[in-house]
Structures are given as structure tokens and as C-alpha cells.
């Protein structure tokens, strides 16, 4: 019996555009613009406010990354689940749990990234996959096999012999050669061998090449996006976490998926690089990813401008007092000044409350109590500073179009 031939390691080349490819493309300019604008974004607001926004954006990132995979659990329902309020519908509850698992992995990657070692290693991918899959319901770990039977995805385990997959027209490497492809992947994207803008381009190229290898039975897209988050953070792209690329990818999901598929194409003649895959299509994919990233930075940059944020805080207070926000009563107009100061400085001491509000002490205390009860300010104790916050009812004012309005 003739032995089945396995995918040759050269089938994944090129891992990065050639020098000629870099020179003929606009990738270096794209990276320069991204780094410049992202760096400026990271310095626009107080570090405390950045921390608050980063925590808020984990829900948004989870929503959009899971939306790409077909899970449309709205941020409102994700936040409810985070407070222990789950849907009575088992299927919706499972999707809420999936979203929470994704948020938890983001938090771990943000706070414990140094414990992951080489971010391009098979061990890192396994750890990301395991952290996600070991915390989602069994119903979401089952995939349908070629004979319509169900197979369970094992957290942190690469595809095994006999677990062939197909992604569109692309047939990923067979399980027996996954280690060789991942070793090549790790070598190609070593950060200590990449200089300047090539590190950021590598983050984008690696996103496709990881999906091309498709090492897990399921969950490759989510792992790829979490890994790209980690890669961009590791190479020092400014403000990452305050902005997230998944929002842009989800909002352009048709283009995202077609760009991924196009980068699977084989070399298109002598002018298309020297690898088995198309260099031009890889360049186009990297350009799409960088353009998407720049768009998300631009979106957040406009929103975090102090002048425009002040205008939106004022609009929120005015709409409340016109009765235009269901479920919320009126609030003193002086709340605008309090929330503006909280946004500017991240937090303020309690002894400064009266001066900031311009009201008497007893009235100020009542106003602050209302702001706390409604989630517009938070505290860690009765003596701690009061911190700016983003309650759901104010999100569409503070960050318009961040996520779609909840259904119903």
C-alpha cells in the first residue's frame, strides 16, 4: 500500500515578505502610522482611566472575537453573566460562559504575559487554548466529525492522528507534521531576530500563518486573535488593550475572512516571491490587518479627546434630565463637573468633592451617593478615592458605536 505523502514544510513559505516585497509595499509606512498614533493614544489620558477602559474593553473584545465565530452574545448579557445573572436558556447560558472564559484569558494574558515564555512557541499556544477551553461548557467543546459523529476538543491539545480538518478550500498540515510546522513558525517569528517595523508586520503575518497551520481541532480563530493581542503588546504597540483589533475584524468580517482565504493562495508566477504561497497575498493581508488596527486606534483617539469627552458627558446629563434615558431619573447638572474631573484625573479624593461640584456639602454628598449607586463613580472602600467608571447606561454616550445597541 502506498504511504500517504505529508505536507512538506516548504508549503508554508514565505513567513514574512522578502526585502523586495517590503520595499515595494507600503507596510513600513503603515506600521509607522500605527505606532505613532497608538503611542499618542496611550498618553492621552490618565493611567487610571486607561486601566478602567482596558477592563471595560475586555468585554467588548470578547464580544467581537466571539461574534466572528458566530456567538452573538451582547455585551449587556456578558456583563449580567459576570454578575451571576445567567440566561434561563441553556444554549444562551453556555455562550455567556464562553464569553466569560474569553475575558478571563485576556486578563491573564494582560497581567501574566511574562509567564508564557516565548509567545511564538507551541507551549504558549497550548496554554492559551487550554485556559479558554477548560472553562467553557462541554456543549461548546464538541465538534462534528466527517461521519457526523461528535468529537470532544481537549483543552491545550493539538490535532491528533486521524483528526483531519478543512478550512474553506485549504487543507491544513496533517497532525504528524504539526510539530515541524510549529517549530518553523517559532523560528521565523523570533522577536530577537526582527528589527523595527518588521516586528509589527510579523504579528500580522503570524496571525495568518497560525490559522493556516490550524493546529487545534477547534478554537484556532480565537487563539489566533488572543495571540495577536499578546504579540502586539509584546512588541510595544502603544495603548493596546484600550483599543482592540477584534472590533475592526468583526465589523469587516467578510473582508477579514476573504483576506485570510486569499493569503492561502499559492505563488502566482515568477514575480510573486520565492515561496510556495503568494507573497503578494501575504502583503495584502498584513496591509489589511494594519489598516484595521489604525482604524481602531483612530476611533478611540477621537473618543478620548478631553474636549469631545466633556461634550458627551454633558450630553449624557442633559438627556437624563430630559427623561430620554429609560430607567434613570434626573440628576443635578453639577454632576457634569464631577464626571469631567473624574475623567481628567482618573479619581479624586473625597475631601475635594465639595470644591469640584460647587455645591454645599450635604447636597454634594447626596450627588456623590447617586453617582456611586448608578455606577458612574466607583470606590474600593468608604475612604478610598472616587474613580471614573463606565456604566452600561452611559456607554453609548461616552463611546458611541463601540458596540451595537442591545436587542429589544
Protein backbone atom coordinates (compact mmCIF):
# COMPACT_ATOMS: atom_id res chain seq x y z
CA UNK A 1 0.00 0.00 0.00
CA UNK A 2 1.39 3.40 -0.97
CA UNK A 3 2.25 5.59 2.00
CA UNK A 4 0.32 8.87 2.11
CA UNK A 5 2.56 11.88 1.45
CA UNK A 6 2.51 14.60 4.10
CA UNK A 7 2.52 18.34 3.59
CA UNK A 8 6.14 19.47 3.06
CA UNK A 9 7.45 22.14 5.44
CA UNK A 10 8.22 24.45 2.50
CA UNK A 11 4.48 24.70 1.82
CA UNK A 12 4.11 27.48 4.41
CA UNK A 13 6.77 29.82 2.98
CA UNK A 14 7.20 32.73 2.96
CA UNK A 15 6.70 33.50 6.65
CA UNK A 16 7.43 37.18 6.03
CA UNK A 17 7.63 39.30 2.89
CA UNK A 18 11.05 39.42 1.26
CA UNK A 19 13.17 42.58 1.35
CA UNK A 20 12.00 43.36 -2.17
CA UNK A 21 8.42 42.75 -1.05
CA UNK A 22 8.82 45.12 1.90
CA UNK A 23 10.35 47.81 -0.32
CA UNK A 24 7.60 47.65 -2.92
CA UNK A 25 4.79 47.66 -0.35
CA UNK A 26 3.57 50.37 1.99
CA UNK A 27 3.88 48.19 5.08
CA UNK A 28 6.63 50.21 6.74
CA UNK A 29 4.54 53.39 6.40
CA UNK A 30 1.50 51.61 7.83
CA UNK A 31 3.50 50.42 10.84
CA UNK A 32 4.95 53.89 11.40
CA UNK A 33 1.47 55.41 11.39
CA UNK A 34 0.12 52.74 13.74
CA UNK A 35 2.97 53.12 16.21
CA UNK A 36 2.82 56.91 16.15
CA UNK A 37 -0.92 57.09 16.69
CA UNK A 38 -1.06 54.23 19.20
CA UNK A 39 1.72 55.82 21.24
CA UNK A 40 -0.17 59.10 21.29
CA UNK A 41 -3.35 57.29 22.32
CA UNK A 42 -1.59 55.67 25.26
CA UNK A 43 -0.57 59.09 26.56
CA UNK A 44 -3.86 60.90 26.04
CA UNK A 45 -5.49 60.12 29.38
CA UNK A 46 -4.63 59.40 32.98
CA UNK A 47 -3.23 55.88 33.64
CA UNK A 48 -6.16 55.17 35.96
CA UNK A 49 -8.61 55.96 33.16
CA UNK A 50 -6.60 53.71 30.83
CA UNK A 51 -6.96 50.93 33.38
CA UNK A 52 -10.73 51.45 33.60
CA UNK A 53 -11.10 51.47 29.81
CA UNK A 54 -8.88 48.40 29.40
CA UNK A 55 -11.06 46.44 31.81
CA UNK A 56 -14.18 47.64 30.00
CA UNK A 57 -12.73 46.72 26.62
CA UNK A 58 -12.18 43.11 27.64
CA UNK A 59 -15.93 42.60 27.39
CA UNK A 60 -16.01 44.39 24.04
CA UNK A 61 -13.06 42.38 22.71
CA UNK A 62 -14.70 39.14 23.85
CA UNK A 63 -17.97 40.12 22.21
CA UNK A 64 -16.37 40.88 18.85
CA UNK A 65 -13.96 37.93 18.80
CA UNK A 66 -16.76 35.50 19.60
CA UNK A 67 -19.08 37.27 17.15
CA UNK A 68 -16.64 36.36 14.36
CA UNK A 69 -17.18 32.72 15.36
CA UNK A 70 -20.97 33.05 15.39
CA UNK A 71 -21.58 33.77 19.09
CA UNK A 72 -23.60 36.99 19.20
CA UNK A 73 -23.96 37.26 22.99
CA UNK A 74 -24.37 41.00 23.55
CA UNK A 75 -22.06 42.83 26.00
CA UNK A 76 -25.10 43.54 28.18
CA UNK A 77 -25.71 39.79 28.61
CA UNK A 78 -22.00 39.15 29.14
CA UNK A 79 -21.93 41.69 31.97
CA UNK A 80 -25.03 40.17 33.50
CA UNK A 81 -23.33 36.78 33.50
CA UNK A 82 -20.25 38.30 35.13
CA UNK A 83 -22.56 39.28 37.99
CA UNK A 84 -24.03 35.78 38.19
CA UNK A 85 -27.19 36.58 36.20
CA UNK A 86 -27.36 33.83 33.57
CA UNK A 87 -29.99 33.19 30.92
CA UNK A 88 -32.57 30.50 31.67
CA UNK A 89 -31.97 29.22 28.13
CA UNK A 90 -29.18 26.58 28.41
CA UNK A 91 -27.74 27.41 24.98
CA UNK A 92 -27.55 31.15 25.76
CA UNK A 93 -26.11 30.41 29.19
CA UNK A 94 -23.35 28.33 27.61
CA UNK A 95 -22.48 31.19 25.26
CA UNK A 96 -22.36 33.57 28.22
CA UNK A 97 -19.89 31.20 29.90
CA UNK A 98 -17.84 31.10 26.71
CA UNK A 99 -17.60 34.89 26.71
CA UNK A 100 -16.54 34.97 30.36
CA UNK A 101 -13.84 32.38 29.64
CA UNK A 102 -12.52 34.60 26.84
CA UNK A 103 -12.43 37.62 29.16
CA UNK A 104 -10.54 35.65 31.80
CA UNK A 105 -7.90 34.60 29.26
CA UNK A 106 -7.48 38.23 28.19
CA UNK A 107 -6.94 39.27 31.80
CA UNK A 108 -4.35 36.54 32.32
CA UNK A 109 -2.52 37.47 29.11
CA UNK A 110 -2.51 41.12 30.17
CA UNK A 111 -1.34 40.56 33.74
CA UNK A 112 0.80 37.44 33.46
CA UNK A 113 2.19 37.64 29.94
CA UNK A 114 5.78 37.11 31.12
CA UNK A 115 4.84 33.66 32.43
CA UNK A 116 4.00 32.50 28.90
CA UNK A 117 7.65 32.37 27.84
CA UNK A 118 8.25 32.54 24.10
CA UNK A 119 4.95 33.81 22.72
CA UNK A 120 5.59 32.03 19.42
CA UNK A 121 6.17 28.62 20.99
CA UNK A 122 3.83 25.63 20.80
CA UNK A 123 3.67 25.74 24.60
CA UNK A 124 2.25 29.26 24.53
CA UNK A 125 -0.45 28.28 22.04
CA UNK A 126 -1.35 25.24 24.11
CA UNK A 127 -1.61 27.35 27.24
CA UNK A 128 -3.90 29.93 25.62
CA UNK A 129 -6.09 27.16 24.19
CA UNK A 130 -6.20 25.30 27.49
CA UNK A 131 -7.08 28.39 29.52
CA UNK A 132 -10.02 29.03 27.23
CA UNK A 133 -11.34 25.53 26.60
CA UNK A 134 -11.08 24.19 30.14
CA UNK A 135 -13.55 26.88 31.24
CA UNK A 136 -16.27 26.55 28.61
CA UNK A 137 -19.20 24.10 28.76
CA UNK A 138 -18.91 20.63 27.26
CA UNK A 139 -21.54 21.51 24.65
CA UNK A 140 -19.10 24.01 23.13
CA UNK A 141 -16.18 21.59 23.16
CA UNK A 142 -17.91 19.17 20.83
CA UNK A 143 -17.27 19.34 17.09
CA UNK A 144 -18.83 17.32 14.32
CA UNK A 145 -16.57 14.81 12.57
CA UNK A 146 -16.62 13.73 8.94
CA UNK A 147 -19.04 10.90 9.71
CA UNK A 148 -21.38 13.25 11.64
CA UNK A 149 -20.18 11.87 14.97
CA UNK A 150 -19.13 14.23 17.77
CA UNK A 151 -15.55 14.65 18.92
CA UNK A 152 -14.55 16.48 22.08
CA UNK A 153 -11.92 19.17 21.84
CA UNK A 154 -9.28 18.50 24.50
CA UNK A 155 -8.06 21.77 26.10
CA UNK A 156 -4.48 22.52 25.09
CA UNK A 157 -4.12 19.53 22.78
CA UNK A 158 -3.08 19.78 19.14
CA UNK A 159 -4.85 17.73 16.49
CA UNK A 160 -4.17 14.03 16.74
CA UNK A 161 -3.71 11.40 14.04
CA UNK A 162 -6.95 10.97 12.13
CA UNK A 163 -8.23 14.43 13.02
CA UNK A 164 -8.05 15.98 9.58
CA UNK A 165 -9.67 19.38 9.02
CA UNK A 166 -10.52 21.57 6.07
CA UNK A 167 -10.93 25.34 6.19
CA UNK A 168 -12.72 26.52 3.07
CA UNK A 169 -10.54 25.21 0.25
CA UNK A 170 -7.46 24.98 2.44
CA UNK A 171 -6.24 21.65 3.80
CA UNK A 172 -4.00 22.38 6.83
CA UNK A 173 -0.95 20.23 7.52
CA UNK A 174 -1.63 16.75 8.83
CA UNK A 175 -1.31 16.03 12.55
CA UNK A 176 2.00 14.08 12.26
CA UNK A 177 3.81 17.14 10.85
CA UNK A 178 2.32 19.82 13.11
CA UNK A 179 5.41 19.90 15.33
CA UNK A 180 7.67 20.61 12.33
CA UNK A 181 5.45 23.45 11.13
CA UNK A 182 5.20 24.97 14.58
CA UNK A 183 8.97 24.74 15.02
CA UNK A 184 9.41 26.64 11.75
CA UNK A 185 6.78 29.14 12.92
CA UNK A 186 8.64 29.72 16.20
CA UNK A 187 11.95 30.22 14.43
CA UNK A 188 10.55 32.58 11.79
CA UNK A 189 8.95 34.97 14.28
CA UNK A 190 11.67 35.14 16.90
CA UNK A 191 11.45 38.65 18.28
CA UNK A 192 15.18 38.87 18.92
CA UNK A 193 15.81 38.47 15.20
CA UNK A 194 13.29 41.02 13.99
CA UNK A 195 14.12 44.70 13.80
CA UNK A 196 11.99 47.83 13.78
CA UNK A 197 8.74 47.79 11.88
CA UNK A 198 9.19 44.13 10.90
CA UNK A 199 8.12 43.08 14.41
CA UNK A 200 4.68 44.58 13.89
CA UNK A 201 4.39 43.16 10.38
CA UNK A 202 5.39 39.80 11.84
CA UNK A 203 2.46 40.00 14.27
CA UNK A 204 0.10 40.31 11.32
CA UNK A 205 1.79 37.70 9.14
CA UNK A 206 1.90 35.28 12.07
CA UNK A 207 -1.85 35.67 12.54
CA UNK A 208 -2.45 34.17 9.10
CA UNK A 209 0.26 31.55 9.25
CA UNK A 210 -1.06 30.27 12.61
CA UNK A 211 -4.55 29.92 11.15
CA UNK A 212 -3.01 28.27 8.07
CA UNK A 213 -1.34 25.63 10.27
CA UNK A 214 -4.61 25.22 12.21
CA UNK A 215 -3.02 23.15 14.96
CA UNK A 216 -6.13 22.63 17.11
CA UNK A 217 -9.23 20.65 16.29
CA UNK A 218 -11.25 23.77 17.07
CA UNK A 219 -10.71 27.25 18.51
CA UNK A 220 -7.92 28.31 16.17
CA UNK A 221 -9.53 31.65 15.30
CA UNK A 222 -9.98 32.68 18.91
CA UNK A 223 -6.49 31.56 19.84
CA UNK A 224 -5.09 33.45 16.85
CA UNK A 225 -6.75 36.69 17.91
CA UNK A 226 -5.71 36.30 21.56
CA UNK A 227 -2.19 35.50 20.37
CA UNK A 228 -2.15 38.58 18.12
CA UNK A 229 -3.22 40.69 21.11
CA UNK A 230 -0.27 39.24 23.06
CA UNK A 231 2.13 39.75 20.14
CA UNK A 232 1.22 43.42 19.68
CA UNK A 233 1.55 44.02 23.40
CA UNK A 234 4.92 42.23 23.45
CA UNK A 235 6.38 44.39 20.67
CA UNK A 236 5.28 47.55 22.47
CA UNK A 237 2.47 48.86 20.30
CA UNK A 238 1.04 51.69 22.39
CA UNK A 239 -2.30 51.63 24.18
CA UNK A 240 -3.07 48.04 23.27
CA UNK A 241 -5.99 46.94 25.40
CA UNK A 242 -7.56 50.39 25.21
CA UNK A 243 -8.14 49.62 21.54
CA UNK A 244 -8.57 46.12 20.17
CA UNK A 245 -8.25 44.79 16.66
CA UNK A 246 -11.09 42.25 17.03
CA UNK A 247 -13.67 45.04 16.89
CA UNK A 248 -12.35 46.07 13.49
CA UNK A 249 -12.09 42.48 12.26
CA UNK A 250 -15.66 41.71 13.28
CA UNK A 251 -17.04 44.87 11.70
CA UNK A 252 -15.24 43.93 8.46
CA UNK A 253 -15.67 40.18 8.94
CA UNK A 254 -16.34 39.46 5.26
CA UNK A 255 -13.12 41.23 4.25
CA UNK A 256 -11.26 39.60 7.15
CA UNK A 257 -12.27 36.10 6.11
CA UNK A 258 -11.64 36.72 2.44
CA UNK A 259 -8.20 38.20 3.24
CA UNK A 260 -7.36 35.11 5.27
CA UNK A 261 -8.51 32.86 2.41
CA UNK A 262 -6.62 34.90 -0.21
CA UNK A 263 -3.40 34.56 1.78
CA UNK A 264 -3.80 30.77 1.46
CA UNK A 265 -3.21 31.06 -2.28
CA UNK A 266 -0.14 29.54 -3.86
CA UNK A 267 2.51 31.64 -5.58
CA UNK A 268 1.21 33.43 -8.68
CA UNK A 269 4.20 33.31 -11.04
CA UNK A 270 7.83 34.45 -11.02
CA UNK A 271 7.06 37.94 -9.76
CA UNK A 272 5.26 36.69 -6.67
CA UNK A 273 8.12 35.93 -4.32
CA UNK A 274 10.03 32.68 -3.98
CA UNK A 275 7.90 30.65 -1.58
CA UNK A 276 5.14 28.12 -2.15
CA UNK A 277 2.49 30.65 -1.04
CA UNK A 278 1.76 34.01 -2.61
CA UNK A 279 3.94 36.77 -1.20
CA UNK A 280 1.65 39.43 -2.64
CA UNK A 281 -1.39 37.95 -0.91
CA UNK A 282 0.53 37.84 2.39
CA UNK A 283 1.45 41.52 1.95
CA UNK A 284 -2.18 42.35 1.23
CA UNK A 285 -3.28 40.50 4.36
CA UNK A 286 -0.74 42.33 6.52
CA UNK A 287 -1.85 45.63 4.98
CA UNK A 288 -5.48 44.82 5.77
CA UNK A 289 -4.62 43.98 9.39
CA UNK A 290 -2.53 47.14 9.85
CA UNK A 291 -5.22 49.31 8.26
CA UNK A 292 -7.81 47.74 10.55
CA UNK A 293 -5.62 48.39 13.58
CA UNK A 294 -5.09 52.02 12.59
CA UNK A 295 -8.86 52.41 12.22
CA UNK A 296 -9.44 51.17 15.76
CA UNK A 297 -6.76 53.47 17.18
CA UNK A 298 -8.30 56.39 15.28
CA UNK A 299 -11.74 55.55 16.69
CA UNK A 300 -10.52 55.53 20.30
CA UNK A 301 -8.26 58.54 19.79
CA UNK A 302 -11.23 60.68 18.78
CA UNK A 303 -13.30 59.46 21.72
CA UNK A 304 -10.65 60.05 24.36
CA UNK A 305 -10.04 63.66 23.38
CA UNK A 306 -10.82 65.65 26.54
CA UNK A 307 -12.90 68.28 24.76
CA UNK A 308 -15.16 65.83 22.97
CA UNK A 309 -15.47 63.56 26.04
CA UNK A 310 -16.55 66.60 28.06
CA UNK A 311 -19.22 67.32 25.45
CA UNK A 312 -20.50 63.74 25.60
CA UNK A 313 -20.62 63.73 29.41
CA UNK A 314 -22.65 66.93 29.25
CA UNK A 315 -24.97 65.38 26.64
CA UNK A 316 -25.48 62.36 28.89
CA UNK A 317 -26.52 64.56 31.84
CA UNK A 318 -28.79 66.70 29.66
CA UNK A 319 -30.54 63.67 28.12
CA UNK A 320 -31.13 62.22 31.57
CA UNK A 321 -32.74 65.42 32.74
CA UNK A 322 -34.95 65.44 29.64
CA UNK A 323 -36.15 61.94 30.53
CA UNK A 324 -34.54 60.39 27.45
CA UNK A 325 -32.70 57.57 29.25
CA UNK A 326 -35.21 54.93 30.38
CA UNK A 327 -34.96 53.77 33.96
CA UNK A 328 -32.91 56.71 35.19
CA UNK A 329 -34.22 59.79 36.90
CA UNK A 330 -32.92 63.32 36.88
CA UNK A 331 -29.54 64.28 38.24
CA UNK A 332 -28.10 67.65 39.22
CA UNK A 333 -26.37 69.42 36.29
CA UNK A 334 -23.30 69.84 38.54
CA UNK A 335 -22.70 66.11 38.02
CA UNK A 336 -21.15 67.15 34.72
CA UNK A 337 -18.25 68.86 36.52
CA UNK A 338 -17.73 65.89 38.83
CA UNK A 339 -17.59 63.38 35.98
CA UNK A 340 -15.35 65.63 33.89
CA UNK A 341 -12.84 65.88 36.75
CA UNK A 342 -13.01 62.14 37.34
CA UNK A 343 -12.23 61.53 33.66
CA UNK A 344 -9.38 64.05 33.66
CA UNK A 345 -7.65 62.72 36.77
CA UNK A 346 -8.95 59.17 36.96
CA UNK A 347 -10.03 59.64 40.54
CA UNK A 348 -10.28 62.33 43.22
CA UNK A 349 -10.14 62.47 46.99
CA UNK A 350 -13.35 62.76 48.95
CA UNK A 351 -12.27 65.96 50.65
CA UNK A 352 -12.29 67.64 47.22
CA UNK A 353 -15.88 66.70 46.38
CA UNK A 354 -17.50 69.93 47.52
CA UNK A 355 -14.98 72.12 45.69
CA UNK A 356 -15.41 70.17 42.45
CA UNK A 357 -19.22 70.17 42.50
CA UNK A 358 -19.60 73.80 43.57
CA UNK A 359 -22.50 72.72 45.79
CA UNK A 360 -22.92 72.64 49.54
CA UNK A 361 -21.52 69.69 51.48
CA UNK A 362 -24.80 67.91 52.17
CA UNK A 363 -26.02 68.30 48.57
CA UNK A 364 -22.64 67.16 47.26
CA UNK A 365 -22.76 64.04 49.42
CA UNK A 366 -26.19 63.16 48.05
CA UNK A 367 -24.96 63.69 44.49
CA UNK A 368 -21.88 61.55 45.03
CA UNK A 369 -24.02 58.82 46.58
CA UNK A 370 -26.25 58.88 43.50
CA UNK A 371 -23.24 58.71 41.16
CA UNK A 372 -21.91 55.70 43.06
CA UNK A 373 -25.25 53.90 43.13
CA UNK A 374 -25.61 54.35 39.39
CA UNK A 375 -22.07 53.16 38.63
CA UNK A 376 -20.77 56.47 37.34
CA UNK A 377 -18.18 56.54 40.11
CA UNK A 378 -16.67 53.58 41.94
CA UNK A 379 -14.78 53.08 45.18
CA UNK A 380 -12.80 50.29 46.80
CA UNK A 381 -13.71 51.35 50.34
CA UNK A 382 -15.59 54.11 52.18
CA UNK A 383 -12.34 56.03 52.46
CA UNK A 384 -10.83 55.37 49.05
CA UNK A 385 -10.70 57.95 46.24
CA UNK A 386 -13.68 58.05 43.88
CA UNK A 387 -12.86 56.70 40.44
CA UNK A 388 -14.29 57.37 36.99
CA UNK A 389 -16.31 54.44 35.64
CA UNK A 390 -18.27 53.34 32.56
CA UNK A 391 -21.72 52.03 33.48
CA UNK A 392 -23.72 50.44 30.70
CA UNK A 393 -26.31 53.23 30.62
CA UNK A 394 -23.56 55.79 29.88
CA UNK A 395 -21.52 53.71 27.44
CA UNK A 396 -23.31 54.87 24.29
CA UNK A 397 -22.62 58.47 25.29
CA UNK A 398 -19.01 58.01 26.35
CA UNK A 399 -18.16 55.61 23.50
CA UNK A 400 -20.77 55.90 20.74
CA UNK A 401 -20.87 52.95 18.34
CA UNK A 402 -18.48 50.91 20.49
CA UNK A 403 -20.96 48.04 20.34
CA UNK A 404 -24.44 47.73 18.84
CA UNK A 405 -27.48 48.61 20.90
CA UNK A 406 -28.83 45.58 22.78
CA UNK A 407 -31.76 43.82 21.05
CA UNK A 408 -35.21 44.69 22.27
